[in-house]
Protein backbone atom coordinates (compact mmCIF):
# COMPACT_ATOMS: atom_id res chain seq x y z
CA MET A 1 103.32 110.56 165.33
CA ILE A 2 103.01 113.85 167.15
CA ILE A 3 103.08 117.10 165.22
CA PRO A 4 105.52 119.30 167.16
CA GLU A 5 105.45 123.08 167.46
CA LYS A 6 108.91 123.26 165.87
CA VAL A 7 111.25 120.99 163.95
CA ASN A 8 114.96 121.35 163.19
CA ILE A 9 116.47 120.72 159.79
CA LEU A 10 120.22 121.23 160.08
CA TYR A 11 120.65 124.89 161.10
CA LYS A 12 117.03 125.95 160.46
CA THR A 13 114.21 125.71 162.97
CA TYR A 14 110.82 125.54 161.28
CA THR A 15 107.71 126.56 163.21
CA ILE A 16 104.64 124.43 162.47
CA ASP A 17 101.51 126.56 162.03
CA PHE A 18 97.94 125.51 161.30
CA VAL A 19 96.06 127.67 158.78
CA ASP A 20 92.39 127.72 157.79
CA ASN A 21 91.69 127.46 154.06
CA LEU A 22 95.31 127.16 152.97
CA HIS A 23 95.60 127.78 149.26
CA ASP A 24 97.93 129.00 146.54
CA GLY A 25 95.76 131.11 144.27
CA ALA A 26 92.89 128.88 143.17
CA ILE A 27 94.49 125.64 144.41
CA ASP A 28 93.70 124.28 147.89
CA LEU A 29 96.80 123.00 149.70
CA TYR A 30 97.30 120.43 152.43
CA GLY A 31 100.51 122.18 153.42
CA HIS A 32 103.22 124.59 152.38
CA ILE A 33 106.80 125.30 153.44
CA GLN A 34 108.14 128.84 153.68
CA TYR A 35 111.92 128.65 153.47
CA VAL A 36 112.77 132.26 154.33
CA ASP A 37 110.26 132.59 157.19
CA GLU A 38 111.15 129.06 158.36
CA LYS A 39 107.52 127.97 158.68
CA ILE A 40 105.58 124.90 157.68
CA LEU A 41 101.88 125.56 157.23
CA LEU A 42 99.30 122.79 157.58
CA ASN A 43 95.67 123.10 156.53
CA THR A 44 93.29 122.83 159.49
CA GLY A 45 90.61 121.45 157.16
CA SER A 46 92.61 118.23 156.68
CA SER A 47 92.28 115.13 158.83
CA GLU A 48 94.93 114.52 161.49
CA GLU A 49 96.41 111.71 159.45
CA GLN A 50 96.58 113.92 156.36
CA GLN A 51 98.28 116.64 158.42
CA ARG A 52 100.92 114.17 159.64
CA ALA A 53 101.54 112.86 156.12
CA THR A 54 101.73 116.42 154.83
CA LEU A 55 104.24 117.35 157.51
CA VAL A 56 106.54 114.54 156.35
CA HIS A 57 106.09 115.75 152.75
CA GLU A 58 106.97 119.35 153.66
CA LEU A 59 109.94 118.21 155.77
CA LEU A 60 111.30 116.46 152.70
CA TYR A 61 111.09 119.78 150.86
CA GLY A 62 113.05 121.37 153.70
CA MET A 63 115.74 118.68 153.58
CA ASP A 64 115.84 118.89 149.79
CA ASP A 65 116.39 122.64 150.01
CA ILE A 66 119.05 122.63 152.72
CA PHE A 67 121.04 119.72 151.28
CA ASN A 68 120.49 120.76 147.65
CA ILE A 69 119.31 117.28 146.64
CA GLU A 70 117.14 118.54 143.76
CA LEU A 71 114.29 116.06 144.12
CA GLU A 72 111.34 116.45 141.79
CA GLU A 73 107.74 116.75 142.99
CA LYS A 74 106.88 113.13 142.13
CA GLN A 75 109.93 111.91 144.05
CA ILE A 76 108.95 113.93 147.11
CA GLU A 77 105.36 112.65 146.87
CA LYS A 78 106.46 109.00 146.70
CA LEU A 79 109.22 109.28 149.29
CA GLY A 80 106.95 111.27 151.61
CA SER A 81 104.22 108.63 151.44
CA ALA A 82 106.73 105.82 151.98
CA LEU A 83 108.35 107.53 154.98
CA TYR A 84 105.02 108.41 156.53
CA MET A 85 103.81 104.81 156.22
CA LEU A 86 107.07 103.57 157.77
CA ILE A 87 106.67 105.94 160.73
CA ARG A 88 102.93 105.22 161.12
CA ASP A 89 103.25 101.44 160.86
CA ASN A 90 106.31 101.14 163.15
CA PRO A 91 105.85 103.69 165.95
CA ASP A 92 107.93 101.76 168.50
CA MET A 93 110.95 101.94 166.21
CA PHE A 94 111.20 105.70 166.83
CA LYS A 95 111.00 105.63 170.63
CA GLU A 96 114.04 106.14 172.81
CA GLY A 97 115.42 103.06 174.49
CA LYS A 98 117.51 99.98 174.00
CA ALA A 99 117.21 97.66 171.05
CA LEU A 100 116.16 94.08 171.71
């Protein structure tokens, strides 16, 4: 999975930025979504795999916001992990081309 510079969620285009020492007060964060600024921040201190998993997690927040799904944090955590594993473990499924 490649982390793009930008990603579209319906009518919003989120810019993906990497930030050193990302935190919210005293809590270190792997990532954070800024709805108004349309940015997704990823912590540069995380491994590449953690950054990819975090991107999926933050994208779920973006979809939840735009479609007003009202998922809870635990639901986003579980769904994010499940989707990331699906993408990671089946990379050919997401390539352009004909089905077998």
